[in-house]
Amino acid sequence: MKDLAGPARGRPPYPTTRGGGQMEKTQAGARALKYAGLATLLGLACLTMLVLGIQSALSQNQLFNLAVKIKRHFVPPQTLSFGYTHTQSNALDQLVSDSSKVPVPAPVLTDRSMVAFAFGQSNSANSIGERQQAATGKVFNYFEGRYYKAADPLLGATGRGGSLWTTLANKLISQEMADQVVLMSAGVGGSSVAQWRKGGNLNGMLEARLQDAQKQGLNVTHFFWHQGEIDNNNAYRDYEAGLTEIIQLTQRYFPNARFFVAQASAFCPLPSSREILDSQRAVTRLKNVYLGPNTDLIGPEDRSDGCHLSGRGAEKAAAEWVELIRHPQKAVGSATQS
């Protein structure tokens, strides 16, 4: 006899239960797809922001400069401690004090003394893979009215590593190309040519340094410009005009100084930029402007991180600088003014 009180034993009490389970699975799948879609959109948004940030940093555009201004507003100049050494940087992150550096008397300069003003981006600053110091008492670092025995990192530039210019100065002294060398270092890592020209955020600092040297009676004999990597793929159309403007500013204060332009454009991992190199060669048509070494030819094996020169890379670059200072050259086809 059938049990009229309910369904057969072992069977589901309601025939709709299986359909309800399927519905729950469908809803769960829809939710999963929804969350996956949201995650994908979020990922794309983050990737877009990352790409825009990288593009902004490379081009040094208004977005990048705004971010830098905000950072400088909320983050004061840094004081860092390395063991027993305390250093301080300014709003541009340039090294302005170092407790390990002791002022020395101002050198008595002669007509065989070199006063070199070196600037540009990181490879002109304190970003070399090895630190060096003056091999003799004839190489000095000048900054804000005081002289110091040259020792990396040099006061006046960004970074806390080595400087190409200390290595170069040691070679100039050892080869008797100068009886003394005074180094004025003003490089800023990651800076574009637009930042150094009129209207750029580094132009005021540059002119203030030139005015200070003139006021101190420190006659700059050589300018060394090493920059161009950051402008590799975005600003070459204005590069020559910008660099010309910078050169003309230095000549307003020191018209007889020789201005050397390094050929530098390779921005890891981007290869050399023909347009930037052409612009750097083109400015040698100007009076007292000459070629510096082509550091794009220094390979990654001589760079500490693929970009910045290692100690060996700095030795190679400095050797090229020495020869070009000894025998100044202009680009083929440029004016031959001395």
C-alpha atoms as a PDB file:
ATOM      1  CA  MET A   1       0.000   0.000   0.000  1.00  0.00           C
ATOM      2  CA  LYS A   2       1.277   3.474  -0.878  1.00  0.00           C
ATOM      3  CA  ASP A   3       2.247   5.878   1.883  1.00  0.00           C
ATOM      4  CA  LEU A   4      -0.124   8.772   1.266  1.00  0.00           C
ATOM      5  CA  ALA A   5       1.627  10.927   3.872  1.00  0.00           C
ATOM      6  CA  GLY A   6       4.564  11.783   1.627  1.00  0.00           C
ATOM      7  CA  PRO A   7       6.886  10.756  -1.202  1.00  0.00           C
ATOM      8  CA  ALA A   8       8.653   7.466  -1.406  1.00  0.00           C
ATOM      9  CA  ARG A   9      11.479   7.049   1.119  1.00  0.00           C
ATOM     10  CA  GLY A  10      14.871   8.183  -0.179  1.00  0.00           C
ATOM     11  CA  ARG A  11      13.518  10.625  -2.760  1.00  0.00           C
ATOM     12  CA  PRO A  12      13.643  14.416  -2.517  1.00  0.00           C
ATOM     13  CA  PRO A  13      10.519  15.807  -0.839  1.00  0.00           C
ATOM     14  CA  TYR A  14      10.012  18.437  -3.581  1.00  0.00           C
ATOM     15  CA  PRO A  15      10.726  18.054  -7.247  1.00  0.00           C
ATOM     16  CA  THR A  16      11.902  21.717  -7.503  1.00  0.00           C
ATOM     17  CA  THR A  17      14.967  21.266  -5.307  1.00  0.00           C
ATOM     18  CA  ARG A  18      17.276  20.318  -8.202  1.00  0.00           C
ATOM     19  CA  GLY A  19      16.144  23.332 -10.212  1.00  0.00           C
ATOM     20  CA  GLY A  20      16.822  25.636  -7.210  1.00  0.00           C
ATOM     21  CA  GLY A  21      20.338  24.307  -6.871  1.00  0.00           C
ATOM     22  CA  GLN A  22      20.985  24.963 -10.531  1.00  0.00           C
ATOM     23  CA  MET A  23      19.705  28.511 -10.101  1.00  0.00           C
ATOM     24  CA  GLU A  24      22.070  29.115  -7.177  1.00  0.00           C
ATOM     25  CA  LYS A  25      24.970  27.857  -9.254  1.00  0.00           C
ATOM     26  CA  THR A  26      23.974  30.176 -12.101  1.00  0.00           C
ATOM     27  CA  GLN A  27      23.776  33.157  -9.740  1.00  0.00           C
ATOM     28  CA  ALA A  28      27.154  32.282  -8.204  1.00  0.00           C
ATOM     29  CA  GLY A  29      28.664  32.069 -11.663  1.00  0.00           C
ATOM     30  CA  ALA A  30      27.225  35.450 -12.560  1.00  0.00           C
ATOM     31  CA  ARG A  31      28.681  36.968  -9.407  1.00  0.00           C
ATOM     32  CA  ALA A  32      32.071  35.430 -10.191  1.00  0.00           C
ATOM     33  CA  LEU A  33      31.967  36.868 -13.709  1.00  0.00           C
ATOM     34  CA  LYS A  34      30.971  40.251 -12.297  1.00  0.00           C
ATOM     35  CA  TYR A  35      33.860  40.256  -9.816  1.00  0.00           C
ATOM     36  CA  ALA A  36      36.262  39.044 -12.502  1.00  0.00           C
ATOM     37  CA  GLY A  37      35.118  41.894 -14.743  1.00  0.00           C
ATOM     38  CA  LEU A  38      35.608  44.421 -11.945  1.00  0.00           C
ATOM     39  CA  ALA A  39      39.049  42.998 -11.196  1.00  0.00           C
ATOM     40  CA  THR A  40      39.955  43.245 -14.887  1.00  0.00           C
ATOM     41  CA  LEU A  41      38.788  46.864 -15.054  1.00  0.00           C
ATOM     42  CA  LEU A  42      40.731  47.679 -11.884  1.00  0.00           C
ATOM     43  CA  GLY A  43      43.816  46.012 -13.297  1.00  0.00           C
ATOM     44  CA  LEU A  44      43.516  47.953 -16.548  1.00  0.00           C
ATOM     45  CA  ALA A  45      43.061  51.188 -14.590  1.00  0.00           C
ATOM     46  CA  CYS A  46      46.188  50.470 -12.525  1.00  0.00           C
ATOM     47  CA  LEU A  47      48.132  49.570 -15.673  1.00  0.00           C
ATOM     48  CA  THR A  48      46.963  52.773 -17.365  1.00  0.00           C
ATOM     49  CA  MET A  49      48.024  54.838 -14.343  1.00  0.00           C
ATOM     50  CA  LEU A  50      51.402  53.091 -14.323  1.00  0.00           C
ATOM     51  CA  VAL A  51      51.936  53.755 -18.029  1.00  0.00           C
ATOM     52  CA  LEU A  52      50.890  57.397 -17.623  1.00  0.00           C
ATOM     53  CA  GLY A  53      53.209  57.737 -14.633  1.00  0.00           C
ATOM     54  CA  ILE A  54      56.160  56.298 -16.544  1.00  0.00           C
ATOM     55  CA  GLN A  55      55.382  58.466 -19.568  1.00  0.00           C
ATOM     56  CA  SER A  56      55.065  61.507 -17.305  1.00  0.00           C
ATOM     57  CA  ALA A  57      58.396  60.812 -15.608  1.00  0.00           C
ATOM     58  CA  LEU A  58      60.151  60.257 -18.920  1.00  0.00           C
ATOM     59  CA  SER A  59      58.741  63.396 -20.513  1.00  0.00           C
ATOM     60  CA  GLN A  60      58.988  65.539 -17.358  1.00  0.00           C
ATOM     61  CA  ASN A  61      55.585  66.955 -18.289  1.00  0.00           C
ATOM     62  CA  GLN A  62      53.182  69.072 -16.234  1.00  0.00           C
ATOM     63  CA  LEU A  63      51.797  66.045 -14.386  1.00  0.00           C
ATOM     64  CA  PHE A  64      55.293  64.995 -13.316  1.00  0.00           C
ATOM     65  CA  ASN A  65      56.276  68.512 -12.260  1.00  0.00           C
ATOM     66  CA  LEU A  66      53.043  68.833 -10.269  1.00  0.00           C
ATOM     67  CA  ALA A  67      53.829  65.599  -8.427  1.00  0.00           C
ATOM     68  CA  VAL A  68      57.341  66.871  -7.663  1.00  0.00           C
ATOM     69  CA  LYS A  69      55.951  70.162  -6.333  1.00  0.00           C
ATOM     70  CA  ILE A  70      53.496  68.322  -4.094  1.00  0.00           C
ATOM     71  CA  LYS A  71      56.270  66.085  -2.783  1.00  0.00           C
ATOM     72  CA  ARG A  72      58.539  69.050  -2.040  1.00  0.00           C
ATOM     73  CA  HIS A  73      55.690  70.855  -0.284  1.00  0.00           C
ATOM     74  CA  PHE A  74      55.038  68.017   2.155  1.00  0.00           C
ATOM     75  CA  VAL A  75      58.503  66.437   2.383  1.00  0.00           C
ATOM     76  CA  PRO A  76      61.208  68.778   3.718  1.00  0.00           C
ATOM     77  CA  PRO A  77      64.850  68.650   2.571  1.00  0.00           C
ATOM     78  CA  GLN A  78      66.340  65.408   3.791  1.00  0.00           C
ATOM     79  CA  THR A  79      68.940  64.864   6.463  1.00  0.00           C
ATOM     80  CA  LEU A  80      70.424  61.397   6.186  1.00  0.00           C
ATOM     81  CA  SER A  81      72.854  59.531   8.397  1.00  0.00           C
ATOM     82  CA  PHE A  82      75.405  57.017   7.111  1.00  0.00           C
ATOM     83  CA  GLY A  83      77.256  55.734  10.149  1.00  0.00           C
ATOM     84  CA  TYR A  84      79.080  58.780  11.478  1.00  0.00           C
ATOM     85  CA  THR A  85      78.393  60.876   8.370  1.00  0.00           C
ATOM     86  CA  HIS A  86      75.388  63.197   8.225  1.00  0.00           C
ATOM     87  CA  THR A  87      74.315  64.690   4.932  1.00  0.00           C
ATOM     88  CA  GLN A  88      71.641  67.180   3.960  1.00  0.00           C
ATOM     89  CA  SER A  89      70.024  67.933   0.621  1.00  0.00           C
ATOM     90  CA  ASN A  90      68.082  70.920  -0.678  1.00  0.00           C
ATOM     91  CA  ALA A  91      64.639  71.008  -2.293  1.00  0.00           C
ATOM     92  CA  LEU A  92      66.172  69.722  -5.547  1.00  0.00           C
ATOM     93  CA  ASP A  93      67.753  66.787  -3.681  1.00  0.00           C
ATOM     94  CA  GLN A  94      71.223  68.221  -4.327  1.00  0.00           C
ATOM     95  CA  LEU A  95      73.784  67.484  -1.632  1.00  0.00           C
ATOM     96  CA  VAL A  96      74.428  70.705   0.321  1.00  0.00           C
ATOM     97  CA  SER A  97      76.220  69.493   3.451  1.00  0.00           C
ATOM     98  CA  ASP A  98      78.232  66.482   4.546  1.00  0.00           C
ATOM     99  CA  SER A  99      79.727  66.209   8.022  1.00  0.00           C
ATOM    100  CA  SER A 100      82.706  64.288   6.630  1.00  0.00           C
ATOM    101  CA  LYS A 101      83.808  67.283   4.526  1.00  0.00           C
ATOM    102  CA  VAL A 102      86.059  69.920   6.117  1.00  0.00           C
ATOM    103  CA  PRO A 103      86.558  73.335   4.478  1.00  0.00           C
ATOM    104  CA  VAL A 104      90.083  74.157   3.312  1.00  0.00           C
ATOM    105  CA  PRO A 105      91.687  77.501   2.433  1.00  0.00           C
ATOM    106  CA  ALA A 106      90.815  78.868  -0.992  1.00  0.00           C
ATOM    107  CA  PRO A 107      93.469  77.867  -3.532  1.00  0.00           C
ATOM    108  CA  VAL A 108      95.568  80.518  -5.227  1.00  0.00           C
ATOM    109  CA  LEU A 109      94.541  80.134  -8.839  1.00  0.00           C
ATOM    110  CA  THR A 110      96.844  80.742 -11.789  1.00  0.00           C
ATOM    111  CA  ASP A 111      96.435  80.870 -15.547  1.00  0.00           C
ATOM    112  CA  ARG A 112      97.041  77.103 -15.517  1.00  0.00           C
ATOM    113  CA  SER A 113      94.212  76.411 -13.093  1.00  0.00           C
ATOM    114  CA  MET A 114      90.958  74.903 -14.326  1.00  0.00           C
ATOM    115  CA  VAL A 115      87.605  75.900 -12.864  1.00  0.00           C
ATOM    116  CA  ALA A 116      85.087  73.389 -14.192  1.00  0.00           C
ATOM    117  CA  PHE A 117      81.311  73.754 -13.913  1.00  0.00           C
ATOM    118  CA  ALA A 118      79.729  70.331 -14.506  1.00  0.00           C
ATOM    119  CA  PHE A 119      75.991  69.829 -14.878  1.00  0.00           C
ATOM    120  CA  GLY A 120      73.256  67.851 -16.597  1.00  0.00           C
ATOM    121  CA  GLN A 121      71.477  64.720 -15.362  1.00  0.00           C
ATOM    122  CA  SER A 122      72.502  61.715 -13.247  1.00  0.00           C
ATOM    123  CA  ASN A 123      75.752  60.735 -14.982  1.00  0.00           C
ATOM    124  CA  SER A 124      76.883  64.346 -14.426  1.00  0.00           C
ATOM    125  CA  ALA A 125      75.895  64.097 -10.757  1.00  0.00           C
ATOM    126  CA  ASN A 126      76.832  61.664  -7.973  1.00  0.00           C
ATOM    127  CA  SER A 127      75.515  58.482  -9.593  1.00  0.00           C
ATOM    128  CA  ILE A 128      78.730  56.736 -10.655  1.00  0.00           C
ATOM    129  CA  GLY A 129      79.179  53.205  -9.327  1.00  0.00           C
ATOM    130  CA  GLU A 130      82.394  53.919  -7.392  1.00  0.00           C
ATOM    131  CA  ARG A 131      83.449  56.838  -5.220  1.00  0.00           C
ATOM    132  CA  GLN A 132      86.769  58.575  -5.738  1.00  0.00           C
ATOM    133  CA  GLN A 133      88.670  61.371  -4.015  1.00  0.00           C
ATOM    134  CA  ALA A 134      91.419  63.797  -4.950  1.00  0.00           C
ATOM    135  CA  ALA A 135      94.687  61.922  -5.440  1.00  0.00           C
ATOM    136  CA  THR A 136      96.595  65.093  -4.521  1.00  0.00           C
ATOM    137  CA  GLY A 137      95.884  68.333  -2.692  1.00  0.00           C
ATOM    138  CA  LYS A 138      95.263  70.020  -6.036  1.00  0.00           C
ATOM    139  CA  VAL A 139      91.625  69.100  -6.682  1.00  0.00           C
ATOM    140  CA  PHE A 140      88.883  71.037  -4.902  1.00  0.00           C
ATOM    141  CA  ASN A 141      85.093  71.014  -4.655  1.00  0.00           C
ATOM    142  CA  TYR A 142      83.640  74.521  -4.431  1.00  0.00           C
ATOM    143  CA  PHE A 143      80.167  75.099  -3.005  1.00  0.00           C
ATOM    144  CA  GLU A 144      78.499  78.232  -1.618  1.00  0.00           C
ATOM    145  CA  GLY A 145      81.611  80.208  -0.804  1.00  0.00           C
ATOM    146  CA  ARG A 146      83.683  77.343   0.586  1.00  0.00           C
ATOM    147  CA  TYR A 147      86.314  75.000  -0.777  1.00  0.00           C
ATOM    148  CA  TYR A 148      86.776  71.352   0.141  1.00  0.00           C
ATOM    149  CA  LYS A 149      89.238  68.689  -0.890  1.00  0.00           C
ATOM    150  CA  ALA A 150      87.338  66.909  -3.649  1.00  0.00           C
ATOM    151  CA  ALA A 151      85.842  63.626  -2.471  1.00  0.00           C
ATOM    152  CA  ASP A 152      82.747  61.864  -3.753  1.00  0.00           C
ATOM    153  CA  PRO A 153      79.919  62.578  -3.467  1.00  0.00           C
ATOM    154  CA  LEU A 154      80.542  66.160  -4.529  1.00  0.00           C
ATOM    155  CA  LEU A 155      78.570  68.959  -2.915  1.00  0.00           C
ATOM    156  CA  GLY A 156      76.120  70.686  -5.240  1.00  0.00           C
ATOM    157  CA  ALA A 157      74.726  67.711  -7.182  1.00  0.00           C
ATOM    158  CA  THR A 158      72.156  64.997  -6.550  1.00  0.00           C
ATOM    159  CA  GLY A 159      73.065  61.442  -5.566  1.00  0.00           C
ATOM    160  CA  ARG A 160      75.318  59.892  -2.943  1.00  0.00           C
ATOM    161  CA  GLY A 161      77.582  57.812  -5.164  1.00  0.00           C
ATOM    162  CA  GLY A 162      80.650  58.625  -7.196  1.00  0.00           C
ATOM    163  CA  SER A 163      81.286  61.520  -9.572  1.00  0.00           C
ATOM    164  CA  LEU A 164      82.830  61.351 -13.022  1.00  0.00           C
ATOM    165  CA  TRP A 165      84.455  64.746 -12.438  1.00  0.00           C
ATOM    166  CA  THR A 166      86.695  63.686  -9.550  1.00  0.00           C
ATOM    167  CA  THR A 167      88.098  60.921 -11.740  1.00  0.00           C
ATOM    168  CA  LEU A 168      88.573  63.391 -14.595  1.00  0.00           C
ATOM    169  CA  ALA A 169      90.273  65.991 -12.384  1.00  0.00           C
ATOM    170  CA  ASN A 170      92.768  63.413 -11.088  1.00  0.00           C
ATOM    171  CA  LYS A 171      93.714  62.564 -14.672  1.00  0.00           C
ATOM    172  CA  LEU A 172      94.123  66.230 -15.623  1.00  0.00           C
ATOM    173  CA  ILE A 173      96.490  66.771 -12.709  1.00  0.00           C
ATOM    174  CA  SER A 174      98.481  63.574 -13.303  1.00  0.00           C
ATOM    175  CA  GLN A 175      98.934  64.493 -16.975  1.00  0.00           C
ATOM    176  CA  GLU A 176      99.949  68.057 -16.030  1.00  0.00           C
ATOM    177  CA  MET A 177      97.126  69.634 -17.994  1.00  0.00           C
ATOM    178  CA  ALA A 178      96.329  71.879 -15.030  1.00  0.00           C
ATOM    179  CA  ASP A 179      98.123  72.838 -11.845  1.00  0.00           C
ATOM    180  CA  GLN A 180      94.850  72.864  -9.879  1.00  0.00           C
ATOM    181  CA  VAL A 181      91.249  71.911 -10.618  1.00  0.00           C
ATOM    182  CA  VAL A 182      88.217  73.424  -8.914  1.00  0.00           C
ATOM    183  CA  LEU A 183      85.016  71.436  -9.441  1.00  0.00           C
ATOM    184  CA  MET A 184      81.581  73.029  -9.307  1.00  0.00           C
ATOM    185  CA  SER A 185      78.997  70.252  -9.552  1.00  0.00           C
ATOM    186  CA  ALA A 186      75.324  71.052 -10.191  1.00  0.00           C
ATOM    187  CA  GLY A 187      73.818  67.967 -11.864  1.00  0.00           C
ATOM    188  CA  VAL A 188      70.259  66.814 -11.151  1.00  0.00           C
ATOM    189  CA  GLY A 189      69.345  63.206 -11.808  1.00  0.00           C
ATOM    190  CA  GLY A 190      66.551  62.656 -14.340  1.00  0.00           C
ATOM    191  CA  SER A 191      66.490  66.286 -15.471  1.00  0.00           C
ATOM    192  CA  SER A 192      65.466  67.260 -18.990  1.00  0.00           C
ATOM    193  CA  VAL A 193      66.902  70.042 -21.117  1.00  0.00           C
ATOM    194  CA  ALA A 194      63.595  71.887 -20.693  1.00  0.00           C
ATOM    195  CA  GLN A 195      64.145  72.128 -16.950  1.00  0.00           C
ATOM    196  CA  TRP A 196      67.494  73.917 -17.397  1.00  0.00           C
ATOM    197  CA  ARG A 197      66.376  76.502 -19.938  1.00  0.00           C
ATOM    198  CA  LYS A 198      64.402  79.676 -19.235  1.00  0.00           C
ATOM    199  CA  GLY A 199      61.089  78.841 -17.581  1.00  0.00           C
ATOM    200  CA  GLY A 200      62.343  75.483 -16.268  1.00  0.00           C
ATOM    201  CA  ASN A 201      62.543  74.753 -12.552  1.00  0.00           C
ATOM    202  CA  LEU A 202      66.362  74.403 -12.650  1.00  0.00           C
ATOM    203  CA  ASN A 203      67.099  77.597 -14.564  1.00  0.00           C
ATOM    204  CA  GLY A 204      67.018  79.809 -11.467  1.00  0.00           C
ATOM    205  CA  MET A 205      69.405  77.511  -9.586  1.00  0.00           C
ATOM    206  CA  LEU A 206      71.772  77.474 -12.562  1.00  0.00           C
ATOM    207  CA  GLU A 207      71.880  81.239 -12.834  1.00  0.00           C
ATOM    208  CA  ALA A 208      72.295  81.610  -9.062  1.00  0.00           C
ATOM    209  CA  ARG A 209      75.337  79.305  -9.170  1.00  0.00           C
ATOM    210  CA  LEU A 210      76.828  81.343 -12.036  1.00  0.00           C
ATOM    211  CA  GLN A 211      76.223  84.583 -10.164  1.00  0.00           C
ATOM    212  CA  ASP A 212      77.802  83.154  -7.025  1.00  0.00           C
ATOM    213  CA  ALA A 213      80.948  82.097  -8.901  1.00  0.00           C
ATOM    214  CA  GLN A 214      81.210  85.525 -10.515  1.00  0.00           C
ATOM    215  CA  LYS A 215      80.720  87.265  -7.178  1.00  0.00           C
ATOM    216  CA  GLN A 216      83.447  85.133  -5.602  1.00  0.00           C
ATOM    217  CA  GLY A 217      85.844  86.004  -8.416  1.00  0.00           C
ATOM    218  CA  LEU A 218      85.900  82.360  -9.450  1.00  0.00           C
ATOM    219  CA  ASN A 219      86.410  82.503 -13.201  1.00  0.00           C
ATOM    220  CA  VAL A 220      84.881  79.417 -14.814  1.00  0.00           C
ATOM    221  CA  THR A 221      87.194  78.166 -17.555  1.00  0.00           C
ATOM    222  CA  HIS A 222      85.260  75.043 -18.629  1.00  0.00           C
ATOM    223  CA  PHE A 223      81.652  73.909 -18.689  1.00  0.00           C
ATOM    224  CA  PHE A 224      80.941  70.168 -18.936  1.00  0.00           C
ATOM    225  CA  TRP A 225      77.388  69.250 -20.014  1.00  0.00           C
ATOM    226  CA  HIS A 226      76.329  65.602 -19.750  1.00  0.00           C
ATOM    227  CA  GLN A 227      72.612  65.206 -20.397  1.00  0.00           C
ATOM    228  CA  GLY A 228      70.202  63.927 -23.017  1.00  0.00           C
ATOM    229  CA  GLU A 229      69.146  60.464 -21.918  1.00  0.00           C
ATOM    230  CA  ILE A 230      65.805  61.556 -20.466  1.00  0.00           C
ATOM    231  CA  ASP A 231      64.968  63.425 -23.678  1.00  0.00           C
ATOM    232  CA  ASN A 232      65.626  60.330 -25.796  1.00  0.00           C
ATOM    233  CA  ASN A 233      62.193  59.858 -27.289  1.00  0.00           C
ATOM    234  CA  ASN A 234      60.086  62.896 -26.593  1.00  0.00           C
ATOM    235  CA  ALA A 235      61.808  66.287 -26.723  1.00  0.00           C
ATOM    236  CA  TYR A 236      64.380  66.130 -29.503  1.00  0.00           C
ATOM    237  CA  ARG A 237      62.548  68.723 -31.599  1.00  0.00           C
ATOM    238  CA  ASP A 238      63.245  71.368 -28.959  1.00  0.00           C
ATOM    239  CA  TYR A 239      66.544  69.975 -27.715  1.00  0.00           C
ATOM    240  CA  GLU A 240      68.904  72.073 -29.823  1.00  0.00           C
ATOM    241  CA  ALA A 241      67.014  75.287 -29.055  1.00  0.00           C
ATOM    242  CA  GLY A 242      66.970  74.497 -25.341  1.00  0.00           C
ATOM    243  CA  LEU A 243      70.663  73.632 -25.147  1.00  0.00           C
ATOM    244  CA  THR A 244      71.580  76.731 -27.160  1.00  0.00           C
ATOM    245  CA  GLU A 245      69.682  78.849 -24.646  1.00  0.00           C
ATOM    246  CA  ILE A 246      71.548  77.211 -21.750  1.00  0.00           C
ATOM    247  CA  ILE A 247      74.927  77.777 -23.405  1.00  0.00           C
ATOM    248  CA  GLN A 248      74.087  81.416 -24.030  1.00  0.00           C
ATOM    249  CA  LEU A 249      73.206  81.859 -20.351  1.00  0.00           C
ATOM    250  CA  THR A 250      76.618  80.551 -19.272  1.00  0.00           C
ATOM    251  CA  GLN A 251      78.330  82.803 -21.820  1.00  0.00           C
ATOM    252  CA  ARG A 252      76.566  85.829 -20.405  1.00  0.00           C
ATOM    253  CA  TYR A 253      78.593  85.317 -17.220  1.00  0.00           C
ATOM    254  CA  PHE A 254      81.739  83.636 -18.541  1.00  0.00           C
ATOM    255  CA  PRO A 255      82.068  84.470 -22.269  1.00  0.00           C
ATOM    256  CA  ASN A 256      85.585  83.049 -22.621  1.00  0.00           C
ATOM    257  CA  ALA A 257      84.895  79.654 -21.054  1.00  0.00           C
ATOM    258  CA  ARG A 258      84.953  76.562 -23.235  1.00  0.00           C
ATOM    259  CA  PHE A 259      81.696  74.632 -23.225  1.00  0.00           C
ATOM    260  CA  PHE A 260      81.931  70.872 -23.873  1.00  0.00           C
ATOM    261  CA  VAL A 261      78.818  68.879 -24.774  1.00  0.00           C
ATOM    262  CA  ALA A 262      78.859  65.150 -24.111  1.00  0.00           C
ATOM    263  CA  GLN A 263      77.086  63.048 -26.720  1.00  0.00           C
ATOM    264  CA  ALA A 264      74.603  61.237 -24.523  1.00  0.00           C
ATOM    265  CA  SER A 265      71.171  59.954 -25.484  1.00  0.00           C
ATOM    266  CA  ALA A 266      70.881  56.219 -24.703  1.00  0.00           C
ATOM    267  CA  PHE A 267      68.270  55.817 -21.984  1.00  0.00           C
ATOM    268  CA  CYS A 268      68.130  52.240 -20.766  1.00  0.00           C
ATOM    269  CA  PRO A 269      66.665  50.243 -22.322  1.00  0.00           C
ATOM    270  CA  LEU A 270      66.180  52.702 -25.206  1.00  0.00           C
ATOM    271  CA  PRO A 271      69.081  52.875 -27.711  1.00  0.00           C
ATOM    272  CA  SER A 272      70.825  56.032 -28.892  1.00  0.00           C
ATOM    273  CA  SER A 273      68.660  58.787 -30.323  1.00  0.00           C
ATOM    274  CA  ARG A 274      70.021  60.071 -33.616  1.00  0.00           C
ATOM    275  CA  GLU A 275      68.023  63.276 -33.214  1.00  0.00           C
ATOM    276  CA  ILE A 276      69.477  64.065 -29.774  1.00  0.00           C
ATOM    277  CA  LEU A 277      73.027  63.268 -30.896  1.00  0.00           C
ATOM    278  CA  ASP A 278      72.584  65.456 -33.982  1.00  0.00           C
ATOM    279  CA  SER A 279      71.377  68.315 -31.786  1.00  0.00           C
ATOM    280  CA  GLN A 280      74.333  67.932 -29.437  1.00  0.00           C
ATOM    281  CA  ARG A 281      76.725  68.025 -32.375  1.00  0.00           C
ATOM    282  CA  ALA A 282      74.921  70.928 -34.013  1.00  0.00           C
ATOM    283  CA  VAL A 283      75.462  73.322 -31.092  1.00  0.00           C
ATOM    284  CA  THR A 284      79.236  73.127 -31.617  1.00  0.00           C
ATOM    285  CA  ARG A 285      78.689  75.686 -34.372  1.00  0.00           C
ATOM    286  CA  LEU A 286      78.566  78.217 -31.530  1.00  0.00           C
ATOM    287  CA  LYS A 287      81.703  80.028 -30.447  1.00  0.00           C
ATOM    288  CA  ASN A 288      83.725  78.233 -27.745  1.00  0.00           C
ATOM    289  CA  VAL A 289      81.473  75.146 -27.858  1.00  0.00           C
ATOM    290  CA  TYR A 290      83.050  71.734 -28.448  1.00  0.00           C
ATOM    291  CA  LEU A 291      82.266  68.032 -28.467  1.00  0.00           C
ATOM    292  CA  GLY A 292      82.493  65.898 -25.381  1.00  0.00           C
ATOM    293  CA  PRO A 293      82.817  62.098 -25.539  1.00  0.00           C
ATOM    294  CA  ASN A 294      80.071  59.884 -26.932  1.00  0.00           C
ATOM    295  CA  THR A 295      79.128  57.987 -23.780  1.00  0.00           C
ATOM    296  CA  ASP A 296      76.438  56.061 -25.683  1.00  0.00           C
ATOM    297  CA  LEU A 297      79.362  53.906 -26.852  1.00  0.00           C
ATOM    298  CA  ILE A 298      80.021  52.746 -23.280  1.00  0.00           C
ATOM    299  CA  GLY A 299      78.201  49.422 -23.022  1.00  0.00           C
ATOM    300  CA  PRO A 300      76.136  47.905 -20.196  1.00  0.00           C
ATOM    301  CA  GLU A 301      79.145  45.930 -18.980  1.00  0.00           C
ATOM    302  CA  ASP A 302      80.634  49.259 -17.870  1.00  0.00           C
ATOM    303  CA  ARG A 303      77.478  50.519 -16.194  1.00  0.00           C
ATOM    304  CA  SER A 304      76.647  49.671 -12.604  1.00  0.00           C
ATOM    305  CA  ASP A 305      72.923  49.190 -13.229  1.00  0.00           C
ATOM    306  CA  GLY A 306      72.690  49.232 -17.006  1.00  0.00           C
ATOM    307  CA  CYS A 307      72.323  53.036 -17.017  1.00  0.00           C
ATOM    308  CA  HIS A 308      74.777  54.750 -14.688  1.00  0.00           C
ATOM    309  CA  LEU A 309      78.500  54.452 -15.321  1.00  0.00           C
ATOM    310  CA  SER A 310      80.457  52.015 -13.185  1.00  0.00           C
ATOM    311  CA  GLY A 311      83.910  52.867 -11.897  1.00  0.00           C
ATOM    312  CA  ARG A 312      85.444  51.326 -15.007  1.00  0.00           C
ATOM    313  CA  GLY A 313      82.930  53.131 -17.207  1.00  0.00           C
ATOM    314  CA  ALA A 314      83.856  56.426 -15.554  1.00  0.00           C
ATOM    315  CA  GLU A 315      87.538  55.721 -16.224  1.00  0.00           C
ATOM    316  CA  LYS A 316      86.778  55.218 -19.917  1.00  0.00           C
ATOM    317  CA  ALA A 317      84.644  58.355 -20.123  1.00  0.00           C
ATOM    318  CA  ALA A 318      87.225  60.434 -18.244  1.00  0.00           C
ATOM    319  CA  ALA A 319      89.989  59.300 -20.590  1.00  0.00           C
ATOM    320  CA  GLU A 320      87.887  60.512 -23.546  1.00  0.00           C
ATOM    321  CA  TRP A 321      87.200  63.801 -21.780  1.00  0.00           C
ATOM    322  CA  VAL A 322      90.939  64.344 -21.275  1.00  0.00           C
ATOM    323  CA  GLU A 323      91.708  63.927 -24.969  1.00  0.00           C
ATOM    324  CA  LEU A 324      88.898  66.208 -26.076  1.00  0.00           C
ATOM    325  CA  ILE A 325      89.905  68.879 -23.561  1.00  0.00           C
ATOM    326  CA  ARG A 326      93.471  68.575 -24.818  1.00  0.00           C
ATOM    327  CA  HIS A 327      92.386  68.753 -28.454  1.00  0.00           C
ATOM    328  CA  PRO A 328      88.957  70.475 -28.666  1.00  0.00           C
ATOM    329  CA  GLN A 329      86.833  69.331 -31.596  1.00  0.00           C
ATOM    330  CA  LYS A 330      83.736  70.537 -33.359  1.00  0.00           C
ATOM    331  CA  ALA A 331      81.311  68.367 -35.263  1.00  0.00           C
ATOM    332  CA  VAL A 332      82.033  67.875 -38.954  1.00  0.00           C
ATOM    333  CA  GLY A 333      80.341  70.607 -40.940  1.00  0.00           C
ATOM    334  CA  SER A 334      79.902  72.971 -37.980  1.00  0.00           C
ATOM    335  CA  ALA A 335      81.475  76.399 -37.713  1.00  0.00           C
ATOM    336  CA  THR A 336      85.188  76.420 -36.892  1.00  0.00           C
ATOM    337  CA  GLN A 337      85.154  79.318 -34.477  1.00  0.00           C
ATOM    338  CA  SER A 338      87.592  78.922 -31.602  1.00  0.00           C
END
